[in-house]
Amino acid sequence: MPLTMNREVFITCAVTGSGATQDRSPHVPRSPKQIADSAIDAARAGAAIVHCHVRDPETGAPRRDIALYREVTERIRDADVDVVLNLTAGMGGDMTFGDTETPLPLNPVGTDMAGASERIAHIRDCLPELCTLDCGTMNFAEADYVMTNTPGMLRAMGGMMTELGVKPEIEAFDTGHLWFAKELVKEGVLAADALVQLCMGVPWGAPDDLNTFMAMVNNVPDGWNWSAFALGRNQMAYVAASVLAGGNVRVGLEDNLWLGKGQLATNAQLVERAVTIVENMGARVIGPRQVRERLNLTKRAPEAN
């Protein structure tokens, strides 16, 4: 099918993620202040949306601590730069099995299973404009780890997000995840003007070759907004590919630590590079106000404790 290039592009910066990257680069933020400061720098560089996880301020390990999320949220909202806040809701579905002969009981190291209400407790508390909904269960690169998101869990979490007025950003790691996301819209769990992030090159989801990418793109329904990213060295190539295919883009240290060979990046530098690519393609980078209008977002303050 012919491509229709996107001429008005929004950039998401995925600031820190939950991967074990905290010791691989000094630029990966750990504390709420570091995460918020990095998000604010990314916004100043041109990101309209910042996607945030939180980490243990001392060890850098991923956390689900509401107080940490609230501090990040308040620091970003108190800043002198406007940006759309997107908090992860992807944690709390982690299963790590025993070895292949004795898979049960589950290994407590790496297992973190929580109910739907607990998994979005920080969303209810902070009320960001966006939050992620990983629309499927998936094997990651680790031998015995599974990211678990059952249909029942996703229906429950998606319904709670919709009721809160927080728009889910559907994270699709393979075509089947898009299939189920369309079912959630059909059932009325999610609104018809859905937003999806195409996640390319995450082992063992959709590989980041262009044939697979276009299969993902062609499975996004008309009327949905979409964005895409690829991990590691292909991050910037997918900035161009996404714009060319009609989508928006995501960059950031969650997905890639490098600006060039031997040169560790900051989030702001990755956003600046993405802005340059988008503008050199003849497109325009849009800001948070236009993103809110396009995605029908509501900016609100957190509920009082």
Protein backbone atom coordinates (compact mmCIF):
# COMPACT_ATOMS: atom_id res chain seq x y z
CA MET A 1 0.00 0.00 0.00
CA PRO A 2 1.25 3.56 -0.62
CA LEU A 3 2.80 5.35 2.31
CA THR A 4 1.46 8.65 3.61
CA MET A 5 4.19 10.49 5.45
CA ASN A 6 3.29 12.20 8.72
CA ARG A 7 3.92 15.94 8.39
CA GLU A 8 3.13 16.84 12.02
CA VAL A 9 5.02 14.54 14.36
CA PHE A 10 5.06 14.24 18.13
CA ILE A 11 8.06 12.84 19.95
CA THR A 12 7.87 10.71 23.08
CA CYS A 13 10.92 10.36 25.31
CA ALA A 14 11.08 7.12 27.33
CA VAL A 15 13.20 8.45 30.15
CA THR A 16 14.51 5.49 32.16
CA GLY A 17 12.52 2.23 31.79
CA SER A 18 12.79 -0.79 34.07
CA GLY A 19 15.64 -2.66 32.40
CA ALA A 20 18.97 -3.32 34.11
CA THR A 21 20.68 -0.36 32.44
CA GLN A 22 21.37 1.74 35.53
CA ASP A 23 24.99 0.59 35.78
CA ARG A 24 25.70 0.81 32.04
CA SER A 25 25.46 4.58 31.74
CA PRO A 26 25.79 7.42 34.24
CA HIS A 27 23.02 9.23 32.36
CA VAL A 28 20.28 6.71 33.29
CA PRO A 29 18.32 8.55 36.00
CA ARG A 30 17.50 6.80 39.29
CA SER A 31 16.04 9.18 41.87
CA PRO A 32 12.71 10.97 41.33
CA LYS A 33 14.60 14.26 40.98
CA GLN A 34 16.96 12.80 38.38
CA ILE A 35 14.07 11.24 36.45
CA ALA A 36 12.04 14.45 36.52
CA ASP A 37 15.04 16.60 35.58
CA SER A 38 15.85 14.32 32.65
CA ALA A 39 12.21 14.40 31.53
CA ILE A 40 12.15 18.20 31.74
CA ASP A 41 15.38 18.43 29.71
CA ALA A 42 13.84 16.13 27.10
CA ALA A 43 10.75 18.35 26.94
CA ARG A 44 12.92 21.42 26.42
CA ALA A 45 14.69 19.55 23.60
CA GLY A 46 11.40 18.91 21.80
CA ALA A 47 9.63 15.93 23.39
CA ALA A 48 5.88 16.51 23.69
CA ILE A 49 5.40 13.38 25.83
CA VAL A 50 7.62 11.90 28.55
CA HIS A 51 7.16 8.23 29.48
CA CYS A 52 8.33 7.51 33.03
CA HIS A 53 9.10 4.52 35.22
CA VAL A 54 10.58 4.89 38.71
CA ARG A 55 13.60 3.23 40.28
CA ASP A 56 15.09 2.69 43.71
CA PRO A 57 17.09 5.89 44.24
CA GLU A 58 20.03 3.95 45.70
CA THR A 59 20.27 0.77 43.62
CA GLY A 60 18.50 1.83 40.45
CA ALA A 61 16.30 -1.29 40.55
CA PRO A 62 12.75 -0.89 39.16
CA ARG A 63 10.05 -0.07 41.71
CA ARG A 64 6.26 0.32 41.95
CA ASP A 65 6.36 2.78 44.85
CA ILE A 66 3.48 5.29 44.68
CA ALA A 67 5.47 7.91 46.61
CA LEU A 68 8.24 7.81 43.99
CA TYR A 69 5.72 8.21 41.16
CA ARG A 70 4.03 11.06 42.95
CA GLU A 71 7.33 12.91 43.44
CA VAL A 72 8.24 12.50 39.76
CA THR A 73 4.76 13.69 38.76
CA GLU A 74 4.83 16.75 41.00
CA ARG A 75 8.33 17.76 39.93
CA ILE A 76 7.40 17.55 36.24
CA ARG A 77 4.13 19.43 36.74
CA ASP A 78 5.88 22.15 38.76
CA ALA A 79 8.46 22.74 36.03
CA ASP A 80 8.44 25.82 33.80
CA VAL A 81 8.02 23.68 30.68
CA ASP A 82 4.82 22.01 29.50
CA VAL A 83 4.85 18.30 28.62
CA VAL A 84 2.34 15.43 28.45
CA LEU A 85 2.97 12.91 31.24
CA ASN A 86 2.81 9.19 30.47
CA LEU A 87 3.38 6.82 33.41
CA THR A 88 4.02 3.12 32.97
CA ALA A 89 1.44 0.61 34.20
CA GLY A 90 3.40 -2.32 32.84
CA MET A 91 4.89 -3.56 36.08
CA GLY A 92 3.33 -6.09 38.44
CA GLY A 93 2.96 -8.88 35.88
CA ASP A 94 6.44 -10.41 36.14
CA MET A 95 6.87 -14.17 36.44
CA THR A 96 10.25 -15.89 36.71
CA PHE A 97 10.09 -19.67 36.60
CA GLY A 98 12.48 -22.21 38.08
CA ASP A 99 14.66 -24.33 35.84
CA THR A 100 13.26 -26.32 32.95
CA GLU A 101 12.83 -29.51 35.03
CA THR A 102 11.28 -27.80 38.07
CA PRO A 103 9.53 -24.66 36.81
CA LEU A 104 7.43 -24.41 39.98
CA PRO A 105 7.54 -22.86 42.49
CA LEU A 106 8.25 -19.53 40.83
CA ASN A 107 11.60 -17.93 41.53
CA PRO A 108 10.95 -15.04 43.96
CA VAL A 109 13.85 -13.16 42.39
CA GLY A 110 12.28 -11.39 39.44
CA THR A 111 8.68 -12.40 40.21
CA ASP A 112 6.31 -9.54 40.96
CA MET A 113 2.64 -10.39 40.48
CA ALA A 114 -0.05 -7.94 41.55
CA GLY A 115 -3.77 -7.48 41.01
CA ALA A 116 -5.26 -5.01 38.56
CA SER A 117 -6.08 -2.35 41.17
CA GLU A 118 -2.59 -2.52 42.66
CA ARG A 119 -0.95 -2.34 39.25
CA ILE A 120 -2.62 0.99 38.52
CA ALA A 121 -2.67 2.41 42.06
CA HIS A 122 -0.11 5.06 41.10
CA ILE A 123 -2.19 5.97 38.04
CA ARG A 124 -5.21 6.59 40.25
CA ASP A 125 -3.06 8.64 42.63
CA CYS A 126 -1.14 10.73 40.07
CA LEU A 127 -3.72 10.98 37.25
CA PRO A 128 -1.31 11.37 34.33
CA GLU A 129 -2.69 12.14 30.90
CA LEU A 130 -1.45 8.82 29.51
CA CYS A 131 -0.43 5.45 30.92
CA THR A 132 0.75 2.30 29.20
CA LEU A 133 -1.23 -0.89 28.68
CA ASP A 134 0.96 -3.80 27.49
CA CYS A 135 -1.58 -5.69 25.40
CA GLY A 136 -0.26 -9.23 25.69
CA THR A 137 1.86 -11.82 27.47
CA MET A 138 5.38 -12.20 26.09
CA ASN A 139 8.67 -14.01 26.52
CA PHE A 140 11.54 -11.57 26.93
CA ALA A 141 15.22 -12.28 26.34
CA GLU A 142 15.72 -13.75 29.79
CA ALA A 143 15.52 -17.56 29.78
CA ASP A 144 12.77 -18.07 32.37
CA TYR A 145 11.06 -14.67 32.60
CA VAL A 146 7.57 -14.01 31.23
CA MET A 147 5.75 -10.66 31.08
CA THR A 148 2.23 -11.72 32.02
CA ASN A 149 -0.84 -9.82 30.85
CA THR A 150 -3.88 -12.09 30.58
CA PRO A 151 -7.01 -11.02 28.65
CA GLY A 152 -8.91 -10.76 31.94
CA MET A 153 -6.22 -8.60 33.53
CA LEU A 154 -6.07 -6.30 30.51
CA ARG A 155 -9.84 -5.89 30.40
CA ALA A 156 -9.82 -4.98 34.10
CA MET A 157 -6.88 -2.57 33.89
CA GLY A 158 -8.08 -0.99 30.64
CA GLY A 159 -11.53 -0.44 32.09
CA MET A 160 -10.11 1.20 35.20
CA MET A 161 -7.92 3.51 33.12
CA THR A 162 -10.85 4.53 30.96
CA GLU A 163 -13.01 5.18 34.03
CA LEU A 164 -10.27 7.39 35.50
CA GLY A 165 -10.10 9.42 32.31
CA VAL A 166 -6.48 8.43 31.71
CA LYS A 167 -5.87 7.43 28.09
CA PRO A 168 -4.09 4.09 27.70
CA GLU A 169 -1.13 3.99 25.36
CA ILE A 170 -1.41 0.48 23.97
CA GLU A 171 2.00 -1.17 23.90
CA ALA A 172 2.04 -3.68 21.04
CA PHE A 173 5.05 -6.00 20.92
CA ASP A 174 3.59 -8.21 18.19
CA THR A 175 0.65 -8.36 15.80
CA GLY A 176 -1.45 -10.45 18.19
CA HIS A 177 -1.29 -7.62 20.72
CA LEU A 178 -2.88 -5.32 18.14
CA TRP A 179 -5.53 -7.94 17.48
CA PHE A 180 -6.49 -8.00 21.16
CA ALA A 181 -6.34 -4.20 21.43
CA LYS A 182 -8.90 -3.98 18.63
CA GLU A 183 -11.08 -6.39 20.59
CA LEU A 184 -10.85 -4.14 23.67
CA VAL A 185 -12.08 -1.21 21.55
CA LYS A 186 -14.85 -3.35 20.06
CA GLU A 187 -15.97 -4.34 23.57
CA GLY A 188 -15.95 -0.71 24.72
CA VAL A 189 -13.18 -1.25 27.28
CA LEU A 190 -11.05 1.31 25.43
CA ALA A 191 -12.23 4.37 23.53
CA ALA A 192 -12.41 4.23 19.75
CA ASP A 193 -9.72 6.92 19.30
CA ALA A 194 -7.02 4.61 20.61
CA LEU A 195 -3.30 5.34 20.85
CA VAL A 196 -0.78 2.59 20.16
CA GLN A 197 2.99 2.30 20.49
CA LEU A 198 4.60 -0.23 18.13
CA CYS A 199 7.51 -1.81 20.02
CA MET A 200 10.04 -3.20 17.55
CA GLY A 201 13.08 -5.35 18.18
CA VAL A 202 12.26 -6.40 21.75
CA PRO A 203 13.28 -10.08 22.15
CA TRP A 204 11.11 -12.12 21.58
CA GLY A 205 8.44 -9.91 20.11
CA ALA A 206 8.24 -8.36 16.67
CA PRO A 207 11.71 -8.10 15.08
CA ASP A 208 12.70 -4.69 13.80
CA ASP A 209 12.90 -5.54 10.11
CA LEU A 210 10.83 -3.33 7.82
CA ASN A 211 8.57 -6.14 6.56
CA THR A 212 7.44 -6.88 10.11
CA PHE A 213 7.17 -3.18 10.88
CA MET A 214 4.84 -2.58 7.94
CA ALA A 215 2.77 -5.60 8.96
CA MET A 216 2.33 -3.91 12.35
CA VAL A 217 1.54 -0.55 10.75
CA ASN A 218 -1.02 -2.10 8.43
CA ASN A 219 -2.79 -3.65 11.43
CA VAL A 220 -3.36 -0.27 13.10
CA PRO A 221 -6.99 0.73 12.42
CA ASP A 222 -7.93 3.97 10.72
CA GLY A 223 -8.70 6.61 13.31
CA TRP A 224 -6.04 5.44 15.77
CA ASN A 225 -2.92 7.45 16.51
CA TRP A 226 0.31 5.52 16.59
CA SER A 227 3.99 5.83 17.33
CA ALA A 228 6.90 3.42 17.06
CA PHE A 229 10.39 2.73 18.34
CA ALA A 230 13.17 0.20 17.96
CA LEU A 231 15.83 -0.80 20.46
CA GLY A 232 19.51 0.01 20.39
CA ARG A 233 21.34 1.04 17.26
CA ASN A 234 18.19 1.12 15.13
CA GLN A 235 16.46 3.71 17.32
CA MET A 236 17.14 6.64 15.01
CA ALA A 237 16.49 4.64 11.83
CA TYR A 238 13.00 4.00 13.18
CA VAL A 239 12.47 7.72 13.74
CA ALA A 240 12.68 8.09 9.96
CA ALA A 241 10.76 4.87 9.25
CA SER A 242 7.89 5.84 11.54
CA VAL A 243 7.50 9.30 10.06
CA LEU A 244 7.65 7.93 6.53
CA ALA A 245 5.00 5.32 7.34
CA GLY A 246 2.66 7.95 8.82
CA GLY A 247 3.39 7.65 12.52
CA ASN A 248 5.05 9.42 15.42
CA VAL A 249 8.29 8.55 17.19
CA ARG A 250 9.75 7.50 20.51
CA VAL A 251 13.35 7.78 21.63
CA GLY A 252 15.04 7.74 25.03
CA LEU A 253 17.34 5.88 27.38
CA GLU A 254 14.74 3.18 28.09
CA ASP A 255 15.39 1.87 24.57
CA ASN A 256 18.92 2.96 23.67
CA LEU A 257 21.93 4.29 25.61
CA TRP A 258 24.06 5.50 22.72
CA LEU A 259 24.25 8.63 20.58
CA GLY A 260 27.06 7.21 18.48
CA LYS A 261 29.86 4.67 18.66
CA GLY A 262 31.50 5.03 22.06
CA GLN A 263 29.33 8.05 22.94
CA LEU A 264 26.78 7.59 25.71
CA ALA A 265 23.67 9.72 25.24
CA THR A 266 21.44 11.79 27.45
CA ASN A 267 17.70 11.84 26.92
CA ALA A 268 17.85 15.42 25.68
CA GLN A 269 20.51 14.52 23.10
CA LEU A 270 18.40 11.66 21.77
CA VAL A 271 15.40 13.96 21.45
CA GLU A 272 17.50 16.61 19.71
CA ARG A 273 18.73 14.01 17.21
CA ALA A 274 15.14 12.90 16.57
CA VAL A 275 14.02 16.51 16.04
CA THR A 276 16.79 16.97 13.47
CA ILE A 277 15.75 13.83 11.57
CA VAL A 278 12.06 14.76 11.56
CA GLU A 279 12.70 18.31 10.39
CA ASN A 280 15.22 17.23 7.75
CA MET A 281 12.50 14.99 6.32
CA GLY A 282 10.34 18.07 5.82
CA ALA A 283 7.98 17.38 8.74
CA ARG A 284 7.23 19.53 11.77
CA VAL A 285 7.60 18.58 15.44
CA ILE A 286 4.46 19.46 17.39
CA GLY A 287 4.21 20.32 21.08
CA PRO A 288 2.15 19.17 24.03
CA ARG A 289 -0.82 21.49 23.43
CA GLN A 290 -1.34 20.10 19.93
CA VAL A 291 -0.84 16.55 21.21
CA ARG A 292 -3.59 17.04 23.80
CA GLU A 293 -5.93 18.26 21.06
CA ARG A 294 -5.06 15.36 18.76
CA LEU A 295 -5.35 12.66 21.43
CA ASN A 296 -8.27 14.18 23.38
CA LEU A 297 -6.29 14.32 26.62
CA THR A 298 -7.23 15.87 29.93
CA LYS A 299 -4.50 17.46 32.04
CA ARG A 300 -5.32 17.21 35.74
CA ALA A 301 -3.63 17.61 39.10
CA PRO A 302 -3.17 14.60 41.40
CA GLU A 303 -5.83 13.85 43.96
CA ALA A 304 -5.10 15.22 47.44
CA ASN A 305 -3.96 12.71 50.03
